[in-house]
Amino acid sequence: MEITVRNLLASLFIISGILIVFFDLLNSYYYFTAQKEFPQVFVAPKGTVSSLEEAPITSTSMENQIGNLIKEQVRQFLPENSVSQALNMSSWIIFASFLLWAGGKLIGLGNDFLKGGQK
């Protein structure tokens, strides 16, 4: 069997596509089983939670008391880094979907090269 440039490129595309898909699936497994942390694309600012906790209730108006009560309830309901963790998880899911799509396209391109060489 003669090895042509077309067959070599087809093999390279297929192997690289498989490696990309394998890398993506392996890292997704590690991230979602908590063996690795998600890439930190979004980071919560350090001073926002502590500045809200230090503000005492000084106003006696009903609106300010209700506003402070709602802030305290939301602070207790949501953990400190939950929003940034959700955004980091979402960004990984989007990137992993892109990697799966790109790996599939490379495999398909390699397959097309192999079919074109057999005609």
PDB file of N, CA and C in Angstrom:
ATOM      1  N   MET A   1       0.841  -1.175   0.000  1.00  0.00           N
ATOM      2  CA  MET A   1       0.000   0.000   0.000  1.00  0.00           C
ATOM      3  C   MET A   1       0.884   1.235   0.000  1.00  0.00           C
ATOM      4  N   GLU A   2       0.601   2.099  -0.881  1.00  0.00           N
ATOM      5  CA  GLU A   2       1.389   3.316  -1.036  1.00  0.00           C
ATOM      6  C   GLU A   2       0.873   4.396  -0.076  1.00  0.00           C
ATOM      7  N   ILE A   3       1.809   5.010   0.635  1.00  0.00           N
ATOM      8  CA  ILE A   3       1.444   6.097   1.548  1.00  0.00           C
ATOM      9  C   ILE A   3       1.557   7.407   0.788  1.00  0.00           C
ATOM     10  N   THR A   4       0.434   8.061   0.653  1.00  0.00           N
ATOM     11  CA  THR A   4       0.413   9.341  -0.043  1.00  0.00           C
ATOM     12  C   THR A   4       0.258  10.463   0.983  1.00  0.00           C
ATOM     13  N   VAL A   5       0.422  11.673   0.492  1.00  0.00           N
ATOM     14  CA  VAL A   5       0.259  12.839   1.362  1.00  0.00           C
ATOM     15  C   VAL A   5      -1.183  12.898   1.866  1.00  0.00           C
ATOM     16  N   ARG A   6      -2.112  12.536   1.016  1.00  0.00           N
ATOM     17  CA  ARG A   6      -3.530  12.549   1.390  1.00  0.00           C
ATOM     18  C   ARG A   6      -3.792  11.556   2.526  1.00  0.00           C
ATOM     19  N   ASN A   7      -3.237  10.355   2.443  1.00  0.00           N
ATOM     20  CA  ASN A   7      -3.422   9.364   3.504  1.00  0.00           C
ATOM     21  C   ASN A   7      -2.722   9.794   4.789  1.00  0.00           C
ATOM     22  N   LEU A   8      -1.565  10.415   4.659  1.00  0.00           N
ATOM     23  CA  LEU A   8      -0.844  10.891   5.832  1.00  0.00           C
ATOM     24  C   LEU A   8      -1.627  12.004   6.535  1.00  0.00           C
ATOM     25  N   LEU A   9      -2.156  12.947   5.762  1.00  0.00           N
ATOM     26  CA  LEU A   9      -2.967  14.012   6.352  1.00  0.00           C
ATOM     27  C   LEU A   9      -4.239  13.453   6.979  1.00  0.00           C
ATOM     28  N   ALA A  10      -4.846  12.489   6.326  1.00  0.00           N
ATOM     29  CA  ALA A  10      -6.060  11.874   6.874  1.00  0.00           C
ATOM     30  C   ALA A  10      -5.764  11.225   8.223  1.00  0.00           C
ATOM     31  N   SER A  11      -4.662  10.497   8.282  1.00  0.00           N
ATOM     32  CA  SER A  11      -4.289   9.854   9.547  1.00  0.00           C
ATOM     33  C   SER A  11      -3.981  10.882  10.624  1.00  0.00           C
ATOM     34  N   LEU A  12      -3.281  11.951  10.261  1.00  0.00           N
ATOM     35  CA  LEU A  12      -2.981  13.018  11.219  1.00  0.00           C
ATOM     36  C   LEU A  12      -4.245  13.683  11.740  1.00  0.00           C
ATOM     37  N   PHE A  13      -5.197  13.971  10.856  1.00  0.00           N
ATOM     38  CA  PHE A  13      -6.445  14.605  11.271  1.00  0.00           C
ATOM     39  C   PHE A  13      -7.244  13.680  12.190  1.00  0.00           C
ATOM     40  N   ILE A  14      -7.310  12.411  11.841  1.00  0.00           N
ATOM     41  CA  ILE A  14      -8.078  11.470  12.657  1.00  0.00           C
ATOM     42  C   ILE A  14      -7.442  11.304  14.030  1.00  0.00           C
ATOM     43  N   ILE A  15      -6.129  11.142  14.086  1.00  0.00           N
ATOM     44  CA  ILE A  15      -5.435  10.966  15.367  1.00  0.00           C
ATOM     45  C   ILE A  15      -5.562  12.222  16.228  1.00  0.00           C
ATOM     46  N   SER A  16      -5.385  13.396  15.618  1.00  0.00           N
ATOM     47  CA  SER A  16      -5.490  14.633  16.408  1.00  0.00           C
ATOM     48  C   SER A  16      -6.931  14.846  16.892  1.00  0.00           C
ATOM     49  N   GLY A  17      -7.917  14.517  16.080  1.00  0.00           N
ATOM     50  CA  GLY A  17      -9.308  14.627  16.507  1.00  0.00           C
ATOM     51  C   GLY A  17      -9.622  13.702  17.672  1.00  0.00           C
ATOM     52  N   ILE A  18      -9.134  12.477  17.596  1.00  0.00           N
ATOM     53  CA  ILE A  18      -9.345  11.520  18.688  1.00  0.00           C
ATOM     54  C   ILE A  18      -8.653  11.995  19.955  1.00  0.00           C
ATOM     55  N   LEU A  19      -7.441  12.531  19.832  1.00  0.00           N
ATOM     56  CA  LEU A  19      -6.732  13.041  21.007  1.00  0.00           C
ATOM     57  C   LEU A  19      -7.449  14.227  21.644  1.00  0.00           C
ATOM     58  N   ILE A  20      -7.999  15.114  20.822  1.00  0.00           N
ATOM     59  CA  ILE A  20      -8.738  16.262  21.354  1.00  0.00           C
ATOM     60  C   ILE A  20      -9.984  15.794  22.098  1.00  0.00           C
ATOM     61  N   VAL A  21     -10.722  14.866  21.519  1.00  0.00           N
ATOM     62  CA  VAL A  21     -11.928  14.354  22.165  1.00  0.00           C
ATOM     63  C   VAL A  21     -11.564  13.625  23.459  1.00  0.00           C
ATOM     64  N   PHE A  22     -10.514  12.819  23.443  1.00  0.00           N
ATOM     65  CA  PHE A  22     -10.082  12.099  24.636  1.00  0.00           C
ATOM     66  C   PHE A  22      -9.657  13.073  25.728  1.00  0.00           C
ATOM     67  N   PHE A  23      -8.867  14.101  25.377  1.00  0.00           N
ATOM     68  CA  PHE A  23      -8.427  15.121  26.338  1.00  0.00           C
ATOM     69  C   PHE A  23      -9.641  15.812  26.959  1.00  0.00           C
ATOM     70  N   ASP A  24     -10.608  16.146  26.140  1.00  0.00           N
ATOM     71  CA  ASP A  24     -11.806  16.843  26.609  1.00  0.00           C
ATOM     72  C   ASP A  24     -12.605  15.964  27.568  1.00  0.00           C
ATOM     73  N   LEU A  25     -12.832  14.728  27.197  1.00  0.00           N
ATOM     74  CA  LEU A  25     -13.608  13.833  28.048  1.00  0.00           C
ATOM     75  C   LEU A  25     -12.887  13.529  29.356  1.00  0.00           C
ATOM     76  N   LEU A  26     -11.586  13.341  29.296  1.00  0.00           N
ATOM     77  CA  LEU A  26     -10.812  13.047  30.499  1.00  0.00           C
ATOM     78  C   LEU A  26     -10.830  14.227  31.467  1.00  0.00           C
ATOM     79  N   ASN A  27     -10.597  15.432  30.954  1.00  0.00           N
ATOM     80  CA  ASN A  27     -10.619  16.603  31.833  1.00  0.00           C
ATOM     81  C   ASN A  27     -12.015  16.873  32.371  1.00  0.00           C
ATOM     82  N   SER A  28     -13.041  16.666  31.566  1.00  0.00           N
ATOM     83  CA  SER A  28     -14.409  16.846  32.060  1.00  0.00           C
ATOM     84  C   SER A  28     -14.707  15.855  33.177  1.00  0.00           C
ATOM     85  N   TYR A  29     -14.231  14.635  33.026  1.00  0.00           N
ATOM     86  CA  TYR A  29     -14.405  13.645  34.087  1.00  0.00           C
ATOM     87  C   TYR A  29     -13.728  14.114  35.367  1.00  0.00           C
ATOM     88  N   TYR A  30     -12.505  14.590  35.268  1.00  0.00           N
ATOM     89  CA  TYR A  30     -11.785  15.055  36.453  1.00  0.00           C
ATOM     90  C   TYR A  30     -12.468  16.268  37.090  1.00  0.00           C
ATOM     91  N   TYR A  31     -12.978  17.186  36.290  1.00  0.00           N
ATOM     92  CA  TYR A  31     -13.633  18.370  36.833  1.00  0.00           C
ATOM     93  C   TYR A  31     -14.949  18.011  37.524  1.00  0.00           C
ATOM     94  N   PHE A  32     -15.749  17.172  36.902  1.00  0.00           N
ATOM     95  CA  PHE A  32     -17.065  16.885  37.456  1.00  0.00           C
ATOM     96  C   PHE A  32     -17.046  15.832  38.557  1.00  0.00           C
ATOM     97  N   THR A  33     -15.933  15.151  38.765  1.00  0.00           N
ATOM     98  CA  THR A  33     -15.788  14.263  39.919  1.00  0.00           C
ATOM     99  C   THR A  33     -14.974  14.922  41.021  1.00  0.00           C
ATOM    100  N   ALA A  34     -14.696  16.201  40.878  1.00  0.00           N
ATOM    101  CA  ALA A  34     -13.996  17.027  41.877  1.00  0.00           C
ATOM    102  C   ALA A  34     -12.569  16.555  42.142  1.00  0.00           C
ATOM    103  N   GLN A  35     -11.942  15.925  41.164  1.00  0.00           N
ATOM    104  CA  GLN A  35     -10.538  15.569  41.296  1.00  0.00           C
ATOM    105  C   GLN A  35      -9.645  16.736  40.894  1.00  0.00           C
ATOM    106  N   LYS A  36     -10.188  17.667  40.114  1.00  0.00           N
ATOM    107  CA  LYS A  36      -9.508  18.906  39.731  1.00  0.00           C
ATOM    108  C   LYS A  36     -10.500  20.042  39.884  1.00  0.00           C
ATOM    109  N   GLU A  37      -9.986  21.245  40.078  1.00  0.00           N
ATOM    110  CA  GLU A  37     -10.853  22.412  40.105  1.00  0.00           C
ATOM    111  C   GLU A  37     -11.077  22.909  38.689  1.00  0.00           C
ATOM    112  N   PHE A  38     -12.240  23.502  38.470  1.00  0.00           N
ATOM    113  CA  PHE A  38     -12.527  24.081  37.163  1.00  0.00           C
ATOM    114  C   PHE A  38     -11.562  25.234  36.898  1.00  0.00           C
ATOM    115  N   PRO A  39     -11.220  25.492  35.648  1.00  0.00           N
ATOM    116  CA  PRO A  39     -10.365  26.643  35.340  1.00  0.00           C
ATOM    117  C   PRO A  39     -11.026  27.927  35.830  1.00  0.00           C
ATOM    118  N   GLN A  40     -10.230  28.778  36.466  1.00  0.00           N
ATOM    119  CA  GLN A  40     -10.761  30.003  37.073  1.00  0.00           C
ATOM    120  C   GLN A  40     -10.802  31.131  36.046  1.00  0.00           C
ATOM    121  N   VAL A  41     -11.880  31.183  35.287  1.00  0.00           N
ATOM    122  CA  VAL A  41     -12.090  32.253  34.325  1.00  0.00           C
ATOM    123  C   VAL A  41     -12.701  33.461  35.033  1.00  0.00           C
ATOM    124  N   PHE A  42     -13.642  33.177  35.938  1.00  0.00           N
ATOM    125  CA  PHE A  42     -14.320  34.223  36.706  1.00  0.00           C
ATOM    126  C   PHE A  42     -13.897  34.093  38.165  1.00  0.00           C
ATOM    127  N   VAL A  43     -13.500  35.213  38.768  1.00  0.00           N
ATOM    128  CA  VAL A  43     -13.078  35.219  40.163  1.00  0.00           C
ATOM    129  C   VAL A  43     -13.918  36.253  40.903  1.00  0.00           C
ATOM    130  N   ALA A  44     -14.459  35.852  42.055  1.00  0.00           N
ATOM    131  CA  ALA A  44     -15.266  36.773  42.852  1.00  0.00           C
ATOM    132  C   ALA A  44     -14.346  37.772  43.543  1.00  0.00           C
ATOM    133  N   PRO A  45     -14.728  39.052  43.563  1.00  0.00           N
ATOM    134  CA  PRO A  45     -13.916  40.030  44.283  1.00  0.00           C
ATOM    135  C   PRO A  45     -13.921  39.733  45.784  1.00  0.00           C
ATOM    136  N   LYS A  46     -12.809  40.001  46.430  1.00  0.00           N
ATOM    137  CA  LYS A  46     -12.646  39.644  47.836  1.00  0.00           C
ATOM    138  C   LYS A  46     -13.429  40.547  48.785  1.00  0.00           C
ATOM    139  N   GLY A  47     -13.538  41.835  48.493  1.00  0.00           N
ATOM    140  CA  GLY A  47     -14.064  42.779  49.460  1.00  0.00           C
ATOM    141  C   GLY A  47     -15.560  42.954  49.482  1.00  0.00           C
ATOM    142  N   THR A  48     -16.313  42.363  48.569  1.00  0.00           N
ATOM    143  CA  THR A  48     -17.747  42.675  48.505  1.00  0.00           C
ATOM    144  C   THR A  48     -18.519  42.076  49.671  1.00  0.00           C
ATOM    145  N   VAL A  49     -18.257  40.842  50.054  1.00  0.00           N
ATOM    146  CA  VAL A  49     -19.029  40.210  51.117  1.00  0.00           C
ATOM    147  C   VAL A  49     -18.689  40.821  52.462  1.00  0.00           C
ATOM    148  N   SER A  50     -17.397  41.056  52.731  1.00  0.00           N
ATOM    149  CA  SER A  50     -17.000  41.578  54.028  1.00  0.00           C
ATOM    150  C   SER A  50     -17.484  43.015  54.217  1.00  0.00           C
ATOM    151  N   SER A  51     -17.556  43.811  53.151  1.00  0.00           N
ATOM    152  CA  SER A  51     -18.024  45.183  53.301  1.00  0.00           C
ATOM    153  C   SER A  51     -19.506  45.217  53.621  1.00  0.00           C
ATOM    154  N   LEU A  52     -20.281  44.242  53.132  1.00  0.00           N
ATOM    155  CA  LEU A  52     -21.699  44.193  53.462  1.00  0.00           C
ATOM    156  C   LEU A  52     -21.900  43.745  54.904  1.00  0.00           C
ATOM    157  N   GLU A  53     -21.057  42.851  55.395  1.00  0.00           N
ATOM    158  CA  GLU A  53     -21.205  42.357  56.752  1.00  0.00           C
ATOM    159  C   GLU A  53     -20.838  43.415  57.781  1.00  0.00           C
ATOM    160  N   GLU A  54     -19.930  44.310  57.463  1.00  0.00           N
ATOM    161  CA  GLU A  54     -19.477  45.308  58.419  1.00  0.00           C
ATOM    162  C   GLU A  54     -20.437  46.483  58.533  1.00  0.00           C
ATOM    163  N   ALA A  55     -21.361  46.638  57.595  1.00  0.00           N
ATOM    164  CA  ALA A  55     -22.267  47.780  57.622  1.00  0.00           C
ATOM    165  C   ALA A  55     -23.351  47.549  58.667  1.00  0.00           C
ATOM    166  N   PRO A  56     -23.334  48.306  59.771  1.00  0.00           N
ATOM    167  CA  PRO A  56     -24.362  48.128  60.804  1.00  0.00           C
ATOM    168  C   PRO A  56     -25.664  48.794  60.391  1.00  0.00           C
ATOM    169  N   ILE A  57     -26.739  48.354  60.997  1.00  0.00           N
ATOM    170  CA  ILE A  57     -28.044  48.958  60.723  1.00  0.00           C
ATOM    171  C   ILE A  57     -28.152  50.212  61.594  1.00  0.00           C
ATOM    172  N   THR A  58     -28.014  51.377  60.985  1.00  0.00           N
ATOM    173  CA  THR A  58     -28.062  52.629  61.735  1.00  0.00           C
ATOM    174  C   THR A  58     -29.358  53.380  61.501  1.00  0.00           C
ATOM    175  N   SER A  59     -29.989  53.126  60.398  1.00  0.00           N
ATOM    176  CA  SER A  59     -31.213  53.837  60.068  1.00  0.00           C
ATOM    177  C   SER A  59     -32.397  53.126  60.688  1.00  0.00           C
ATOM    178  N   THR A  60     -33.345  53.942  61.170  1.00  0.00           N
ATOM    179  CA  THR A  60     -34.524  53.347  61.786  1.00  0.00           C
ATOM    180  C   THR A  60     -35.694  53.285  60.826  1.00  0.00           C
ATOM    181  N   SER A  61     -35.475  53.727  59.608  1.00  0.00           N
ATOM    182  CA  SER A  61     -36.590  53.684  58.666  1.00  0.00           C
ATOM    183  C   SER A  61     -36.898  52.240  58.284  1.00  0.00           C
ATOM    184  N   MET A  62     -38.117  51.982  58.005  1.00  0.00           N
ATOM    185  CA  MET A  62     -38.578  50.632  57.695  1.00  0.00           C
ATOM    186  C   MET A  62     -37.956  50.105  56.406  1.00  0.00           C
ATOM    187  N   GLU A  63     -37.773  50.962  55.390  1.00  0.00           N
ATOM    188  CA  GLU A  63     -37.208  50.522  54.112  1.00  0.00           C
ATOM    189  C   GLU A  63     -35.777  50.028  54.277  1.00  0.00           C
ATOM    190  N   ASN A  64     -34.971  50.740  55.028  1.00  0.00           N
ATOM    191  CA  ASN A  64     -33.578  50.328  55.226  1.00  0.00           C
ATOM    192  C   ASN A  64     -33.493  49.037  56.022  1.00  0.00           C
ATOM    193  N   GLN A  65     -34.356  48.871  57.009  1.00  0.00           N
ATOM    194  CA  GLN A  65     -34.338  47.641  57.796  1.00  0.00           C
ATOM    195  C   GLN A  65     -34.740  46.433  56.934  1.00  0.00           C
ATOM    196  N   ILE A  66     -35.744  46.622  56.072  1.00  0.00           N
ATOM    197  CA  ILE A  66     -36.174  45.534  55.189  1.00  0.00           C
ATOM    198  C   ILE A  66     -35.081  45.221  54.167  1.00  0.00           C
ATOM    199  N   GLY A  67     -34.459  46.278  53.619  1.00  0.00           N
ATOM    200  CA  GLY A  67     -33.364  46.075  52.659  1.00  0.00           C
ATOM    201  C   GLY A  67     -32.201  45.320  53.269  1.00  0.00           C
ATOM    202  N   ASN A  68     -31.829  45.681  54.490  1.00  0.00           N
ATOM    203  CA  ASN A  68     -30.729  44.980  55.171  1.00  0.00           C
ATOM    204  C   ASN A  68     -31.117  43.550  55.511  1.00  0.00           C
ATOM    205  N   LEU A  69     -32.375  43.317  55.870  1.00  0.00           N
ATOM    206  CA  LEU A  69     -32.837  41.968  56.159  1.00  0.00           C
ATOM    207  C   LEU A  69     -32.777  41.086  54.909  1.00  0.00           C
ATOM    208  N   ILE A  70     -33.177  41.648  53.775  1.00  0.00           N
ATOM    209  CA  ILE A  70     -33.123  40.893  52.515  1.00  0.00           C
ATOM    210  C   ILE A  70     -31.676  40.588  52.139  1.00  0.00           C
ATOM    211  N   LYS A  71     -30.785  41.552  52.307  1.00  0.00           N
ATOM    212  CA  LYS A  71     -29.363  41.309  52.015  1.00  0.00           C
ATOM    213  C   LYS A  71     -28.813  40.190  52.878  1.00  0.00           C
ATOM    214  N   GLU A  72     -29.178  40.192  54.140  1.00  0.00           N
ATOM    215  CA  GLU A  72     -28.691  39.147  55.042  1.00  0.00           C
ATOM    216  C   GLU A  72     -29.242  37.774  54.658  1.00  0.00           C
ATOM    217  N   GLN A  73     -30.503  37.716  54.264  1.00  0.00           N
ATOM    218  CA  GLN A  73     -31.100  36.444  53.863  1.00  0.00           C
ATOM    219  C   GLN A  73     -30.462  35.906  52.584  1.00  0.00           C
ATOM    220  N   VAL A  74     -30.189  36.792  51.633  1.00  0.00           N
ATOM    221  CA  VAL A  74     -29.541  36.363  50.386  1.00  0.00           C
ATOM    222  C   VAL A  74     -28.122  35.887  50.684  1.00  0.00           C
ATOM    223  N   ARG A  75     -27.422  36.540  51.575  1.00  0.00           N
ATOM    224  CA  ARG A  75     -26.068  36.148  51.949  1.00  0.00           C
ATOM    225  C   ARG A  75     -26.057  34.765  52.593  1.00  0.00           C
ATOM    226  N   GLN A  76     -27.088  34.469  53.376  1.00  0.00           N
ATOM    227  CA  GLN A  76     -27.178  33.147  54.006  1.00  0.00           C
ATOM    228  C   GLN A  76     -27.609  32.078  53.004  1.00  0.00           C
ATOM    229  N   PHE A  77     -28.394  32.466  52.014  1.00  0.00           N
ATOM    230  CA  PHE A  77     -28.913  31.518  51.030  1.00  0.00           C
ATOM    231  C   PHE A  77     -27.844  31.087  50.034  1.00  0.00           C
ATOM    232  N   LEU A  78     -27.032  32.030  49.557  1.00  0.00           N
ATOM    233  CA  LEU A  78     -25.996  31.736  48.561  1.00  0.00           C
ATOM    234  C   LEU A  78     -24.627  31.646  49.235  1.00  0.00           C
ATOM    235  N   PRO A  79     -23.903  30.558  49.022  1.00  0.00           N
ATOM    236  CA  PRO A  79     -22.531  30.505  49.529  1.00  0.00           C
ATOM    237  C   PRO A  79     -21.664  31.591  48.884  1.00  0.00           C
ATOM    238  N   GLU A  80     -20.515  31.828  49.461  1.00  0.00           N
ATOM    239  CA  GLU A  80     -19.685  32.964  49.070  1.00  0.00           C
ATOM    240  C   GLU A  80     -19.250  32.937  47.612  1.00  0.00           C
ATOM    241  N   ASN A  81     -18.789  31.813  47.095  1.00  0.00           N
ATOM    242  CA  ASN A  81     -18.267  31.754  45.726  1.00  0.00           C
ATOM    243  C   ASN A  81     -19.190  30.997  44.768  1.00  0.00           C
ATOM    244  N   SER A  82     -20.455  30.868  45.086  1.00  0.00           N
ATOM    245  CA  SER A  82     -21.333  30.039  44.269  1.00  0.00           C
ATOM    246  C   SER A  82     -21.551  30.620  42.876  1.00  0.00           C
ATOM    247  N   VAL A  83     -21.637  31.921  42.760  1.00  0.00           N
ATOM    248  CA  VAL A  83     -21.884  32.524  41.446  1.00  0.00           C
ATOM    249  C   VAL A  83     -20.651  32.355  40.552  1.00  0.00           C
ATOM    250  N   SER A  84     -19.464  32.623  41.091  1.00  0.00           N
ATOM    251  CA  SER A  84     -18.256  32.468  40.274  1.00  0.00           C
ATOM    252  C   SER A  84     -18.010  31.001  39.922  1.00  0.00           C
ATOM    253  N   GLN A  85     -18.342  30.080  40.827  1.00  0.00           N
ATOM    254  CA  GLN A  85     -18.192  28.658  40.514  1.00  0.00           C
ATOM    255  C   GLN A  85     -19.154  28.228  39.412  1.00  0.00           C
ATOM    256  N   ALA A  86     -20.369  28.725  39.463  1.00  0.00           N
ATOM    257  CA  ALA A  86     -21.340  28.392  38.414  1.00  0.00           C
ATOM    258  C   ALA A  86     -20.909  28.960  37.064  1.00  0.00           C
ATOM    259  N   LEU A  87     -20.360  30.174  37.073  1.00  0.00           N
ATOM    260  CA  LEU A  87     -19.876  30.759  35.820  1.00  0.00           C
ATOM    261  C   LEU A  87     -18.661  29.998  35.285  1.00  0.00           C
ATOM    262  N   ASN A  88     -17.759  29.578  36.175  1.00  0.00           N
ATOM    263  CA  ASN A  88     -16.592  28.803  35.741  1.00  0.00           C
ATOM    264  C   ASN A  88     -17.015  27.448  35.179  1.00  0.00           C
ATOM    265  N   MET A  89     -18.003  26.817  35.797  1.00  0.00           N
ATOM    266  CA  MET A  89     -18.502  25.542  35.294  1.00  0.00           C
ATOM    267  C   MET A  89     -19.164  25.731  33.927  1.00  0.00           C
ATOM    268  N   SER A  90     -19.927  26.786  33.785  1.00  0.00           N
ATOM    269  CA  SER A  90     -20.587  27.060  32.504  1.00  0.00           C
ATOM    270  C   SER A  90     -19.572  27.354  31.409  1.00  0.00           C
ATOM    271  N   SER A  91     -18.527  28.097  31.741  1.00  0.00           N
ATOM    272  CA  SER A  91     -17.511  28.389  30.727  1.00  0.00           C
ATOM    273  C   SER A  91     -16.777  27.125  30.306  1.00  0.00           C
ATOM    274  N   TRP A  92     -16.530  26.194  31.240  1.00  0.00           N
ATOM    275  CA  TRP A  92     -15.896  24.935  30.858  1.00  0.00           C
ATOM    276  C   TRP A  92     -16.823  24.111  29.962  1.00  0.00           C
ATOM    277  N   ILE A  93     -18.109  24.088  30.277  1.00  0.00           N
ATOM    278  CA  ILE A  93     -19.057  23.322  29.461  1.00  0.00           C
ATOM    279  C   ILE A  93     -19.089  23.861  28.039  1.00  0.00           C
ATOM    280  N   ILE A  94     -19.075  25.171  27.889  1.00  0.00           N
ATOM    281  CA  ILE A  94     -19.068  25.777  26.554  1.00  0.00           C
ATOM    282  C   ILE A  94     -17.778  25.425  25.822  1.00  0.00           C
ATOM    283  N   PHE A  95     -16.633  25.546  26.508  1.00  0.00           N
ATOM    284  CA  PHE A  95     -15.347  25.233  25.879  1.00  0.00           C
ATOM    285  C   PHE A  95     -15.240  23.747  25.540  1.00  0.00           C
ATOM    286  N   ALA A  96     -15.728  22.877  26.444  1.00  0.00           N
ATOM    287  CA  ALA A  96     -15.678  21.437  26.187  1.00  0.00           C
ATOM    288  C   ALA A  96     -16.568  21.067  25.003  1.00  0.00           C
ATOM    289  N   SER A  97     -17.713  21.731  24.881  1.00  0.00           N
ATOM    290  CA  SER A  97     -18.578  21.480  23.729  1.00  0.00           C
ATOM    291  C   SER A  97     -17.888  21.876  22.432  1.00  0.00           C
ATOM    292  N   PHE A  98     -17.192  23.005  22.472  1.00  0.00           N
ATOM    293  CA  PHE A  98     -16.434  23.424  21.293  1.00  0.00           C
ATOM    294  C   PHE A  98     -15.342  22.414  20.954  1.00  0.00           C
ATOM    295  N   LEU A  99     -14.632  21.912  21.964  1.00  0.00           N
ATOM    296  CA  LEU A  99     -13.577  20.922  21.711  1.00  0.00           C
ATOM    297  C   LEU A  99     -14.154  19.637  21.122  1.00  0.00           C
ATOM    298  N   LEU A 100     -15.292  19.185  21.636  1.00  0.00           N
ATOM    299  CA  LEU A 100     -15.920  17.988  21.068  1.00  0.00           C
ATOM    300  C   LEU A 100     -16.317  18.214  19.615  1.00  0.00           C
ATOM    301  N   TRP A 101     -16.877  19.377  19.332  1.00  0.00           N
ATOM    302  CA  TRP A 101     -17.269  19.700  17.965  1.00  0.00           C
ATOM    303  C   TRP A 101     -16.030  19.756  17.051  1.00  0.00           C
ATOM    304  N   ALA A 102     -14.962  20.417  17.512  1.00  0.00           N
ATOM    305  CA  ALA A 102     -13.747  20.540  16.700  1.00  0.00           C
ATOM    306  C   ALA A 102     -13.087  19.184  16.481  1.00  0.00           C
ATOM    307  N   GLY A 103     -13.043  18.350  17.524  1.00  0.00           N
ATOM    308  CA  GLY A 103     -12.481  17.007  17.363  1.00  0.00           C
ATOM    309  C   GLY A 103     -13.284  16.171  16.393  1.00  0.00           C
ATOM    310  N   GLY A 104     -14.601  16.281  16.456  1.00  0.00           N
ATOM    311  CA  GLY A 104     -15.455  15.554  15.513  1.00  0.00           C
ATOM    312  C   GLY A 104     -15.258  16.031  14.083  1.00  0.00           C
ATOM    313  N   LYS A 105     -15.081  17.348  13.914  1.00  0.00           N
ATOM    314  CA  LYS A 105     -14.830  17.888  12.571  1.00  0.00           C
ATOM    315  C   LYS A 105     -13.496  17.392  12.020  1.00  0.00           C
ATOM    316  N   LEU A 106     -12.470  17.332  12.872  1.00  0.00           N
ATOM    317  CA  LEU A 106     -11.173  16.822  12.417  1.00  0.00           C
ATOM    318  C   LEU A 106     -11.271  15.349  12.019  1.00  0.00           C
ATOM    319  N   ILE A 107     -11.983  14.574  12.806  1.00  0.00           N
ATOM    320  CA  ILE A 107     -12.156  13.162  12.470  1.00  0.00           C
ATOM    321  C   ILE A 107     -12.917  13.027  11.151  1.00  0.00           C
ATOM    322  N   GLY A 108     -13.959  13.828  10.970  1.00  0.00           N
ATOM    323  CA  GLY A 108     -14.718  13.804   9.722  1.00  0.00           C
ATOM    324  C   GLY A 108     -13.887  14.232   8.526  1.00  0.00           C
ATOM    325  N   LEU A 109     -13.040  15.241   8.726  1.00  0.00           N
ATOM    326  CA  LEU A 109     -12.162  15.691   7.646  1.00  0.00           C
ATOM    327  C   LEU A 109     -11.160  14.607   7.263  1.00  0.00           C
ATOM    328  N   GLY A 110     -10.601  13.934   8.257  1.00  0.00           N
ATOM    329  CA  GLY A 110      -9.703  12.822   7.976  1.00  0.00           C
ATOM    330  C   GLY A 110     -10.400  11.690   7.260  1.00  0.00           C
ATOM    331  N   ASN A 111     -11.629  11.420   7.653  1.00  0.00           N
ATOM    332  CA  ASN A 111     -12.416  10.385   6.994  1.00  0.00           C
ATOM    333  C   ASN A 111     -12.688  10.748   5.532  1.00  0.00           C
ATOM    334  N   ASP A 112     -13.025  12.015   5.302  1.00  0.00           N
ATOM    335  CA  ASP A 112     -13.236  12.475   3.913  1.00  0.00           C
ATOM    336  C   ASP A 112     -11.971  12.343   3.077  1.00  0.00           C
ATOM    337  N   PHE A 113     -10.828  12.640   3.675  1.00  0.00           N
ATOM    338  CA  PHE A 113      -9.557  12.487   2.958  1.00  0.00           C
ATOM    339  C   PHE A 113      -9.311  11.031   2.602  1.00  0.00           C
ATOM    340  N   LEU A 114      -9.618  10.131   3.524  1.00  0.00           N
ATOM    341  CA  LEU A 114      -9.429   8.715   3.239  1.00  0.00           C
ATOM    342  C   LEU A 114     -10.374   8.238   2.141  1.00  0.00           C
ATOM    343  N   LYS A 115     -11.613   8.680   2.168  1.00  0.00           N
ATOM    344  CA  LYS A 115     -12.565   8.294   1.123  1.00  0.00           C
ATOM    345  C   LYS A 115     -12.174   8.869  -0.233  1.00  0.00           C
ATOM    346  N   GLY A 116     -11.670  10.077  -0.232  1.00  0.00           N
ATOM    347  CA  GLY A 116     -11.249  10.698  -1.491  1.00  0.00           C
ATOM    348  C   GLY A 116     -10.043  10.022  -2.087  1.00  0.00           C
ATOM    349  N   GLY A 117      -9.180   9.461  -1.252  1.00  0.00           N
ATOM    350  CA  GLY A 117      -7.987   8.774  -1.754  1.00  0.00           C
ATOM    351  C   GLY A 117      -8.272   7.391  -2.296  1.00  0.00           C
ATOM    352  N   GLN A 118      -9.421   6.816  -1.960  1.00  0.00           N
ATOM    353  CA  GLN A 118      -9.739   5.459  -2.389  1.00  0.00           C
ATOM    354  C   GLN A 118     -10.469   5.425  -3.725  1.00  0.00           C
ATOM    355  N   LYS A 119     -10.908   6.553  -4.233  1.00  0.00           N
ATOM    356  CA  LYS A 119     -11.669   6.576  -5.490  1.00  0.00           C
ATOM    357  C   LYS A 119     -10.830   6.185  -6.667  1.00  0.00           C
TER     358      LYS A 119
END
